[in-house]
Amino acid sequence: MNQDVLRAEAAAHPYPLLFATVSGAHLYGFPSPDSDFDLRGVHVLPLDDVLGLLPVRETIESSGMRNGVEMDLVTHDAAKFFRLLLKRNGYVMEQLFSPLIVVTTPEHEELKEIAARCLTRHHSHHYFGFAARQKKLFLSEKPPRVKPLLYTYRVLLTGIWLMRTGKIEANLVTLNEHFRLPQLPALIERKRSGPEKSKLEDAEVEFHLREYDRLVAELESAAADPRLPEEPGGMRDLSELLARIRQSTRFRR
């Protein structure tokens, strides 16, 4: 990763950041040579802004080339992000727990501890839905490409792992150290090598569709295990953390 460019992008944000991490293909373990950097995080709006009646920028998005690096940045205000943590939203959990950290604070670590108590068995619905959309995209292209197929595998294995362990893991290479699917290393290498090797033959497609059905069944079975709670915890702690963040001089600019 080009940490200098990523840190410069984060430093240019109009509001103080609670954290910023890298998501997307770099987090998932299979970036192509032309993959952009997906920078995700939480910004903190000034107390005066959120107490007033004027519209506030709960979500900030920007994209473009930065010193030769294609960048896509999305951040949410802390209040919006905390609300999303209390829903079955796997995206924000993966962003929060991403090990590819660009900006961090002590409150980032505190937030991760609270967020672990927000995970529920109903987060499986996020992964069912995401996998179904990726499968539809995979089948819509002629010939099918490796990228949506890898996203499909990544989503299903992340969901199964979460249901079995109560932990977020979004890196497909790391996940496959546990699942040991023999087809994945070659697929990942094809994706990393660039678009010229990213097309699939019909016989390959049939095999991967059978694997999709098998892994969906595994996710259904794992979600039926009551290892994770029905409802998220941590709402009071999130509320208290938000109040402290709003008042902290650390998050004033």
C-alpha atoms as a PDB file:
ATOM      1  CA  MET A   1       0.000   0.000   0.000  1.00  0.00           C
ATOM      2  CA  ASN A   2       1.074   3.561  -0.676  1.00  0.00           C
ATOM      3  CA  GLN A   3       0.732   4.744   2.906  1.00  0.00           C
ATOM      4  CA  ASP A   4       1.965   8.278   2.178  1.00  0.00           C
ATOM      5  CA  VAL A   5      -0.767   8.883  -0.409  1.00  0.00           C
ATOM      6  CA  LEU A   6      -3.416   7.321   1.821  1.00  0.00           C
ATOM      7  CA  ARG A   7      -2.374   9.392   4.832  1.00  0.00           C
ATOM      8  CA  ALA A   8      -2.349  12.552   2.716  1.00  0.00           C
ATOM      9  CA  GLU A   9      -5.888  11.812   1.542  1.00  0.00           C
ATOM     10  CA  ALA A  10      -7.019  11.305   5.130  1.00  0.00           C
ATOM     11  CA  ALA A  11      -5.250  14.483   6.277  1.00  0.00           C
ATOM     12  CA  ALA A  12      -7.109  16.496   3.631  1.00  0.00           C
ATOM     13  CA  HIS A  13     -10.507  15.471   5.036  1.00  0.00           C
ATOM     14  CA  PRO A  14     -12.557  18.502   6.104  1.00  0.00           C
ATOM     15  CA  TYR A  15     -13.363  16.997   9.517  1.00  0.00           C
ATOM     16  CA  PRO A  16     -11.312  15.143  12.156  1.00  0.00           C
ATOM     17  CA  LEU A  17     -11.274  11.375  11.676  1.00  0.00           C
ATOM     18  CA  LEU A  18     -12.003   8.809  14.352  1.00  0.00           C
ATOM     19  CA  PHE A  19     -10.403   6.221  12.087  1.00  0.00           C
ATOM     20  CA  ALA A  20      -9.726   5.481   8.431  1.00  0.00           C
ATOM     21  CA  THR A  21      -8.991   2.045   6.984  1.00  0.00           C
ATOM     22  CA  VAL A  22      -8.605   0.393   3.597  1.00  0.00           C
ATOM     23  CA  SER A  23     -11.468  -1.764   2.362  1.00  0.00           C
ATOM     24  CA  GLY A  24     -12.219  -3.389  -1.010  1.00  0.00           C
ATOM     25  CA  ALA A  25      -9.930  -5.695  -2.934  1.00  0.00           C
ATOM     26  CA  HIS A  26      -6.849  -4.798  -0.885  1.00  0.00           C
ATOM     27  CA  LEU A  27      -8.625  -5.834   2.309  1.00  0.00           C
ATOM     28  CA  TYR A  28     -10.063  -8.937   0.660  1.00  0.00           C
ATOM     29  CA  GLY A  29      -6.602 -10.153  -0.363  1.00  0.00           C
ATOM     30  CA  PHE A  30      -6.872 -10.093  -4.150  1.00  0.00           C
ATOM     31  CA  PRO A  31      -6.088  -6.626  -5.570  1.00  0.00           C
ATOM     32  CA  SER A  32      -5.355  -6.409  -9.291  1.00  0.00           C
ATOM     33  CA  PRO A  33      -2.554  -4.203 -10.616  1.00  0.00           C
ATOM     34  CA  ASP A  34      -5.185  -1.564 -11.458  1.00  0.00           C
ATOM     35  CA  SER A  35      -7.295  -1.856  -8.284  1.00  0.00           C
ATOM     36  CA  ASP A  36      -8.164   1.468  -6.693  1.00  0.00           C
ATOM     37  CA  PHE A  37      -7.845   2.111  -2.972  1.00  0.00           C
ATOM     38  CA  ASP A  38     -11.115   2.147  -1.052  1.00  0.00           C
ATOM     39  CA  LEU A  39     -10.581   4.361   1.978  1.00  0.00           C
ATOM     40  CA  ARG A  40     -13.376   4.111   4.565  1.00  0.00           C
ATOM     41  CA  GLY A  41     -13.821   5.674   7.969  1.00  0.00           C
ATOM     42  CA  VAL A  42     -15.624   7.851  10.473  1.00  0.00           C
ATOM     43  CA  HIS A  43     -15.483  11.622  10.722  1.00  0.00           C
ATOM     44  CA  VAL A  44     -16.669  13.754  13.635  1.00  0.00           C
ATOM     45  CA  LEU A  45     -18.888  16.745  12.947  1.00  0.00           C
ATOM     46  CA  PRO A  46     -18.555  19.782  15.236  1.00  0.00           C
ATOM     47  CA  LEU A  47     -20.926  19.876  18.191  1.00  0.00           C
ATOM     48  CA  ASP A  48     -22.417  23.184  17.057  1.00  0.00           C
ATOM     49  CA  ASP A  49     -23.306  21.689  13.672  1.00  0.00           C
ATOM     50  CA  VAL A  50     -25.197  18.693  15.049  1.00  0.00           C
ATOM     51  CA  LEU A  51     -27.048  20.821  17.620  1.00  0.00           C
ATOM     52  CA  GLY A  52     -28.338  23.246  15.018  1.00  0.00           C
ATOM     53  CA  LEU A  53     -31.091  22.932  12.430  1.00  0.00           C
ATOM     54  CA  LEU A  54     -28.975  23.215   9.298  1.00  0.00           C
ATOM     55  CA  PRO A  55     -28.300  20.066   7.223  1.00  0.00           C
ATOM     56  CA  VAL A  56     -25.086  18.264   8.137  1.00  0.00           C
ATOM     57  CA  ARG A  57     -22.724  16.157   6.042  1.00  0.00           C
ATOM     58  CA  GLU A  58     -23.367  12.750   7.545  1.00  0.00           C
ATOM     59  CA  THR A  59     -21.629  11.060   4.593  1.00  0.00           C
ATOM     60  CA  ILE A  60     -18.690  12.445   2.648  1.00  0.00           C
ATOM     61  CA  GLU A  61     -17.589  10.864  -0.625  1.00  0.00           C
ATOM     62  CA  SER A  62     -14.788  11.702  -3.020  1.00  0.00           C
ATOM     63  CA  SER A  63     -12.842   9.919  -5.719  1.00  0.00           C
ATOM     64  CA  GLY A  64     -10.085  10.597  -8.215  1.00  0.00           C
ATOM     65  CA  MET A  65      -6.391  10.188  -8.926  1.00  0.00           C
ATOM     66  CA  ARG A  66      -3.985  11.145  -6.144  1.00  0.00           C
ATOM     67  CA  ASN A  67      -0.309  11.144  -7.168  1.00  0.00           C
ATOM     68  CA  GLY A  68      -0.993   8.379  -9.651  1.00  0.00           C
ATOM     69  CA  VAL A  69      -3.121   6.345  -7.228  1.00  0.00           C
ATOM     70  CA  GLU A  70      -6.848   5.945  -7.868  1.00  0.00           C
ATOM     71  CA  MET A  71      -8.669   6.704  -4.627  1.00  0.00           C
ATOM     72  CA  ASP A  72     -12.252   6.261  -3.477  1.00  0.00           C
ATOM     73  CA  LEU A  73     -13.062   7.738  -0.064  1.00  0.00           C
ATOM     74  CA  VAL A  74     -16.298   7.378   1.927  1.00  0.00           C
ATOM     75  CA  THR A  75     -16.714   8.419   5.560  1.00  0.00           C
ATOM     76  CA  HIS A  76     -19.756   8.669   7.821  1.00  0.00           C
ATOM     77  CA  ASP A  77     -20.253  10.961  10.777  1.00  0.00           C
ATOM     78  CA  ALA A  78     -19.852   9.083  14.059  1.00  0.00           C
ATOM     79  CA  ALA A  79     -23.584   9.174  14.863  1.00  0.00           C
ATOM     80  CA  LYS A  80     -24.557   7.637  11.522  1.00  0.00           C
ATOM     81  CA  PHE A  81     -21.810   5.018  11.743  1.00  0.00           C
ATOM     82  CA  PHE A  82     -22.844   4.052  15.273  1.00  0.00           C
ATOM     83  CA  ARG A  83     -26.440   3.638  14.141  1.00  0.00           C
ATOM     84  CA  LEU A  84     -25.267   1.368  11.329  1.00  0.00           C
ATOM     85  CA  LEU A  85     -23.329  -0.739  13.837  1.00  0.00           C
ATOM     86  CA  LEU A  86     -26.618  -1.477  15.596  1.00  0.00           C
ATOM     87  CA  LYS A  87     -28.071  -2.879  12.377  1.00  0.00           C
ATOM     88  CA  ARG A  88     -27.101  -6.070  10.525  1.00  0.00           C
ATOM     89  CA  ASN A  89     -24.589  -4.180   8.385  1.00  0.00           C
ATOM     90  CA  GLY A  90     -21.516  -6.200   7.567  1.00  0.00           C
ATOM     91  CA  TYR A  91     -19.901  -3.415   5.540  1.00  0.00           C
ATOM     92  CA  VAL A  92     -19.315  -1.119   8.497  1.00  0.00           C
ATOM     93  CA  MET A  93     -18.100  -3.986  10.661  1.00  0.00           C
ATOM     94  CA  GLU A  94     -15.510  -4.937   8.047  1.00  0.00           C
ATOM     95  CA  GLN A  95     -14.373  -1.327   7.732  1.00  0.00           C
ATOM     96  CA  LEU A  96     -14.052  -0.937  11.494  1.00  0.00           C
ATOM     97  CA  PHE A  97     -12.105  -4.177  11.962  1.00  0.00           C
ATOM     98  CA  SER A  98      -9.925  -3.801   8.844  1.00  0.00           C
ATOM     99  CA  PRO A  99      -6.262  -4.397   9.768  1.00  0.00           C
ATOM    100  CA  LEU A 100      -5.195  -1.996   6.982  1.00  0.00           C
ATOM    101  CA  ILE A 101      -5.224   1.102   9.183  1.00  0.00           C
ATOM    102  CA  VAL A 102      -4.455   4.567   7.823  1.00  0.00           C
ATOM    103  CA  VAL A 103      -5.706   6.676  10.757  1.00  0.00           C
ATOM    104  CA  THR A 104      -6.464   5.468  14.270  1.00  0.00           C
ATOM    105  CA  THR A 105      -7.228   6.920  17.710  1.00  0.00           C
ATOM    106  CA  PRO A 106      -7.753   5.508  21.205  1.00  0.00           C
ATOM    107  CA  GLU A 107     -11.496   5.852  20.549  1.00  0.00           C
ATOM    108  CA  HIS A 108     -11.116   3.617  17.494  1.00  0.00           C
ATOM    109  CA  GLU A 109      -9.929   0.796  19.745  1.00  0.00           C
ATOM    110  CA  GLU A 110     -12.744   1.463  22.193  1.00  0.00           C
ATOM    111  CA  LEU A 111     -15.260   1.404  19.366  1.00  0.00           C
ATOM    112  CA  LYS A 112     -14.041  -1.996  18.186  1.00  0.00           C
ATOM    113  CA  GLU A 113     -14.552  -3.434  21.656  1.00  0.00           C
ATOM    114  CA  ILE A 114     -18.123  -2.131  21.758  1.00  0.00           C
ATOM    115  CA  ALA A 115     -18.869  -3.165  18.164  1.00  0.00           C
ATOM    116  CA  ALA A 116     -17.969  -6.778  18.911  1.00  0.00           C
ATOM    117  CA  ARG A 117     -21.020  -6.791  21.181  1.00  0.00           C
ATOM    118  CA  CYS A 118     -23.202  -5.447  18.364  1.00  0.00           C
ATOM    119  CA  LEU A 119     -22.741  -8.574  16.231  1.00  0.00           C
ATOM    120  CA  THR A 120     -25.798 -10.835  15.975  1.00  0.00           C
ATOM    121  CA  ARG A 121     -26.792 -13.984  14.137  1.00  0.00           C
ATOM    122  CA  HIS A 122     -28.883 -11.741  11.867  1.00  0.00           C
ATOM    123  CA  HIS A 123     -25.722 -10.353  10.297  1.00  0.00           C
ATOM    124  CA  SER A 124     -25.944 -13.533   8.212  1.00  0.00           C
ATOM    125  CA  HIS A 125     -28.676 -11.802   6.166  1.00  0.00           C
ATOM    126  CA  HIS A 126     -26.147  -9.234   4.986  1.00  0.00           C
ATOM    127  CA  TYR A 127     -23.910 -12.002   3.652  1.00  0.00           C
ATOM    128  CA  PHE A 128     -26.768 -13.968   2.070  1.00  0.00           C
ATOM    129  CA  GLY A 129     -27.888 -10.856   0.221  1.00  0.00           C
ATOM    130  CA  PHE A 130     -24.415  -9.750  -0.827  1.00  0.00           C
ATOM    131  CA  ALA A 131     -23.557 -13.235  -2.120  1.00  0.00           C
ATOM    132  CA  ALA A 132     -26.775 -13.438  -4.138  1.00  0.00           C
ATOM    133  CA  ARG A 133     -26.061 -10.073  -5.780  1.00  0.00           C
ATOM    134  CA  GLN A 134     -22.506 -11.104  -6.648  1.00  0.00           C
ATOM    135  CA  LYS A 135     -23.737 -14.388  -8.111  1.00  0.00           C
ATOM    136  CA  LYS A 136     -26.235 -12.491 -10.274  1.00  0.00           C
ATOM    137  CA  LEU A 137     -23.463 -10.168 -11.479  1.00  0.00           C
ATOM    138  CA  PHE A 138     -21.174 -13.130 -12.144  1.00  0.00           C
ATOM    139  CA  LEU A 139     -23.799 -14.846 -14.319  1.00  0.00           C
ATOM    140  CA  SER A 140     -24.800 -11.665 -16.142  1.00  0.00           C
ATOM    141  CA  GLU A 141     -21.424 -11.286 -17.848  1.00  0.00           C
ATOM    142  CA  LYS A 142     -20.423 -13.218 -20.953  1.00  0.00           C
ATOM    143  CA  PRO A 143     -17.916 -14.685 -20.461  1.00  0.00           C
ATOM    144  CA  PRO A 144     -18.037 -14.580 -16.650  1.00  0.00           C
ATOM    145  CA  ARG A 145     -15.154 -12.880 -14.841  1.00  0.00           C
ATOM    146  CA  VAL A 146     -13.104 -13.981 -11.860  1.00  0.00           C
ATOM    147  CA  LYS A 147     -13.697 -10.765  -9.860  1.00  0.00           C
ATOM    148  CA  PRO A 148     -17.407 -11.217  -8.970  1.00  0.00           C
ATOM    149  CA  LEU A 149     -16.758 -14.912  -8.375  1.00  0.00           C
ATOM    150  CA  LEU A 150     -14.040 -14.126  -5.824  1.00  0.00           C
ATOM    151  CA  TYR A 151     -16.310 -11.575  -4.176  1.00  0.00           C
ATOM    152  CA  THR A 152     -18.970 -14.281  -3.909  1.00  0.00           C
ATOM    153  CA  TYR A 153     -16.570 -16.708  -2.237  1.00  0.00           C
ATOM    154  CA  ARG A 154     -15.229 -13.969   0.039  1.00  0.00           C
ATOM    155  CA  VAL A 155     -18.665 -12.942   1.220  1.00  0.00           C
ATOM    156  CA  LEU A 156     -19.842 -16.474   1.934  1.00  0.00           C
ATOM    157  CA  LEU A 157     -16.686 -17.472   3.798  1.00  0.00           C
ATOM    158  CA  THR A 158     -16.739 -14.234   5.828  1.00  0.00           C
ATOM    159  CA  GLY A 159     -20.354 -14.907   6.784  1.00  0.00           C
ATOM    160  CA  ILE A 160     -19.728 -18.526   7.738  1.00  0.00           C
ATOM    161  CA  TRP A 161     -16.647 -17.562   9.765  1.00  0.00           C
ATOM    162  CA  LEU A 162     -18.572 -14.840  11.577  1.00  0.00           C
ATOM    163  CA  MET A 163     -21.418 -17.178  12.459  1.00  0.00           C
ATOM    164  CA  ARG A 164     -19.012 -19.865  13.693  1.00  0.00           C
ATOM    165  CA  THR A 165     -16.553 -17.696  15.616  1.00  0.00           C
ATOM    166  CA  GLY A 166     -18.245 -14.357  16.304  1.00  0.00           C
ATOM    167  CA  LYS A 167     -15.313 -12.594  14.594  1.00  0.00           C
ATOM    168  CA  ILE A 168     -14.969 -10.513  11.433  1.00  0.00           C
ATOM    169  CA  GLU A 169     -12.438 -11.699   8.851  1.00  0.00           C
ATOM    170  CA  ALA A 170     -12.649 -10.231   5.348  1.00  0.00           C
ATOM    171  CA  ASN A 171      -9.374 -11.451   3.810  1.00  0.00           C
ATOM    172  CA  LEU A 172     -10.023 -14.397   1.513  1.00  0.00           C
ATOM    173  CA  VAL A 173      -6.441 -15.663   1.718  1.00  0.00           C
ATOM    174  CA  THR A 174      -6.623 -15.753   5.523  1.00  0.00           C
ATOM    175  CA  LEU A 175     -10.080 -17.325   5.448  1.00  0.00           C
ATOM    176  CA  ASN A 176      -8.883 -20.074   3.146  1.00  0.00           C
ATOM    177  CA  GLU A 177      -6.215 -21.068   5.652  1.00  0.00           C
ATOM    178  CA  HIS A 178      -9.184 -22.454   7.589  1.00  0.00           C
ATOM    179  CA  PHE A 179     -11.573 -23.504   4.787  1.00  0.00           C
ATOM    180  CA  ARG A 180      -8.872 -24.918   2.464  1.00  0.00           C
ATOM    181  CA  LEU A 181     -10.854 -24.641  -0.778  1.00  0.00           C
ATOM    182  CA  PRO A 182      -8.369 -25.893  -3.400  1.00  0.00           C
ATOM    183  CA  GLN A 183      -9.811 -23.740  -6.209  1.00  0.00           C
ATOM    184  CA  LEU A 184      -9.198 -20.394  -4.509  1.00  0.00           C
ATOM    185  CA  PRO A 185      -5.392 -19.897  -4.807  1.00  0.00           C
ATOM    186  CA  ALA A 186      -5.499 -20.200  -8.610  1.00  0.00           C
ATOM    187  CA  LEU A 187      -8.507 -17.869  -8.852  1.00  0.00           C
ATOM    188  CA  ILE A 188      -6.803 -15.284  -6.653  1.00  0.00           C
ATOM    189  CA  GLU A 189      -3.639 -15.457  -8.764  1.00  0.00           C
ATOM    190  CA  ARG A 190      -5.692 -14.945 -11.936  1.00  0.00           C
ATOM    191  CA  LYS A 191      -7.351 -11.873 -10.415  1.00  0.00           C
ATOM    192  CA  ARG A 192      -4.028 -10.436  -9.245  1.00  0.00           C
ATOM    193  CA  SER A 193      -2.462 -10.992 -12.673  1.00  0.00           C
ATOM    194  CA  GLY A 194      -4.852  -8.616 -14.435  1.00  0.00           C
ATOM    195  CA  PRO A 195      -7.843  -8.691 -16.804  1.00  0.00           C
ATOM    196  CA  GLU A 196      -6.253 -10.841 -19.498  1.00  0.00           C
ATOM    197  CA  LYS A 197      -6.529 -13.925 -17.250  1.00  0.00           C
ATOM    198  CA  SER A 198      -9.814 -13.096 -15.575  1.00  0.00           C
ATOM    199  CA  LYS A 199     -12.304 -14.901 -17.836  1.00  0.00           C
ATOM    200  CA  LEU A 200     -13.845 -18.298 -17.023  1.00  0.00           C
ATOM    201  CA  GLU A 201     -14.885 -21.259 -19.178  1.00  0.00           C
ATOM    202  CA  ASP A 202     -18.374 -22.835 -19.040  1.00  0.00           C
ATOM    203  CA  ALA A 203     -17.124 -25.974 -17.284  1.00  0.00           C
ATOM    204  CA  GLU A 204     -15.565 -23.853 -14.554  1.00  0.00           C
ATOM    205  CA  VAL A 205     -18.817 -21.954 -14.077  1.00  0.00           C
ATOM    206  CA  GLU A 206     -20.807 -25.123 -13.382  1.00  0.00           C
ATOM    207  CA  PHE A 207     -18.336 -26.188 -10.714  1.00  0.00           C
ATOM    208  CA  HIS A 208     -18.444 -22.813  -8.977  1.00  0.00           C
ATOM    209  CA  LEU A 209     -22.247 -22.731  -9.013  1.00  0.00           C
ATOM    210  CA  ARG A 210     -22.289 -26.059  -7.180  1.00  0.00           C
ATOM    211  CA  GLU A 211     -19.813 -24.634  -4.675  1.00  0.00           C
ATOM    212  CA  TYR A 212     -22.054 -21.593  -4.239  1.00  0.00           C
ATOM    213  CA  ASP A 213     -25.017 -23.795  -3.301  1.00  0.00           C
ATOM    214  CA  ARG A 214     -22.864 -25.800  -0.889  1.00  0.00           C
ATOM    215  CA  LEU A 215     -21.514 -22.714   0.867  1.00  0.00           C
ATOM    216  CA  VAL A 216     -24.942 -21.094   1.109  1.00  0.00           C
ATOM    217  CA  ALA A 217     -26.117 -24.250   2.869  1.00  0.00           C
ATOM    218  CA  GLU A 218     -23.114 -24.001   5.222  1.00  0.00           C
ATOM    219  CA  LEU A 219     -23.965 -20.391   6.009  1.00  0.00           C
ATOM    220  CA  GLU A 220     -27.587 -21.339   6.706  1.00  0.00           C
ATOM    221  CA  SER A 221     -26.429 -24.076   9.063  1.00  0.00           C
ATOM    222  CA  ALA A 222     -23.954 -21.793  10.827  1.00  0.00           C
ATOM    223  CA  ALA A 223     -26.563 -19.035  11.221  1.00  0.00           C
ATOM    224  CA  ALA A 224     -28.901 -21.496  12.921  1.00  0.00           C
ATOM    225  CA  ASP A 225     -26.324 -22.006  15.677  1.00  0.00           C
ATOM    226  CA  PRO A 226     -27.182 -19.661  18.584  1.00  0.00           C
ATOM    227  CA  ARG A 227     -23.512 -18.729  19.156  1.00  0.00           C
ATOM    228  CA  LEU A 228     -24.296 -15.068  18.429  1.00  0.00           C
ATOM    229  CA  PRO A 229     -27.138 -13.200  20.153  1.00  0.00           C
ATOM    230  CA  GLU A 230     -30.478 -12.241  18.605  1.00  0.00           C
ATOM    231  CA  GLU A 231     -30.130  -8.545  19.409  1.00  0.00           C
ATOM    232  CA  PRO A 232     -27.131  -6.192  19.402  1.00  0.00           C
ATOM    233  CA  GLY A 233     -25.634  -5.031  22.667  1.00  0.00           C
ATOM    234  CA  GLY A 234     -23.617  -1.941  23.401  1.00  0.00           C
ATOM    235  CA  MET A 235     -26.163   0.777  22.599  1.00  0.00           C
ATOM    236  CA  ARG A 236     -25.625   2.634  25.876  1.00  0.00           C
ATOM    237  CA  ASP A 237     -21.840   2.405  25.509  1.00  0.00           C
ATOM    238  CA  LEU A 238     -22.047   3.713  21.933  1.00  0.00           C
ATOM    239  CA  SER A 239     -24.179   6.620  23.111  1.00  0.00           C
ATOM    240  CA  GLU A 240     -21.723   7.498  25.869  1.00  0.00           C
ATOM    241  CA  LEU A 241     -18.763   7.233  23.493  1.00  0.00           C
ATOM    242  CA  LEU A 242     -20.488   9.500  20.979  1.00  0.00           C
ATOM    243  CA  ALA A 243     -21.125  12.141  23.648  1.00  0.00           C
ATOM    244  CA  ARG A 244     -17.457  12.081  24.705  1.00  0.00           C
ATOM    245  CA  ILE A 245     -16.246  12.290  21.106  1.00  0.00           C
ATOM    246  CA  ARG A 246     -18.445  15.295  20.371  1.00  0.00           C
ATOM    247  CA  GLN A 247     -17.039  17.166  23.372  1.00  0.00           C
ATOM    248  CA  SER A 248     -13.405  16.100  23.018  1.00  0.00           C
ATOM    249  CA  THR A 249     -10.808  18.652  21.942  1.00  0.00           C
ATOM    250  CA  ARG A 250      -9.124  15.791  20.052  1.00  0.00           C
ATOM    251  CA  PHE A 251     -11.837  15.997  17.404  1.00  0.00           C
ATOM    252  CA  ARG A 252     -11.895  19.749  16.842  1.00  0.00           C
ATOM    253  CA  ARG A 253     -10.350  21.368  13.828  1.00  0.00           C
END
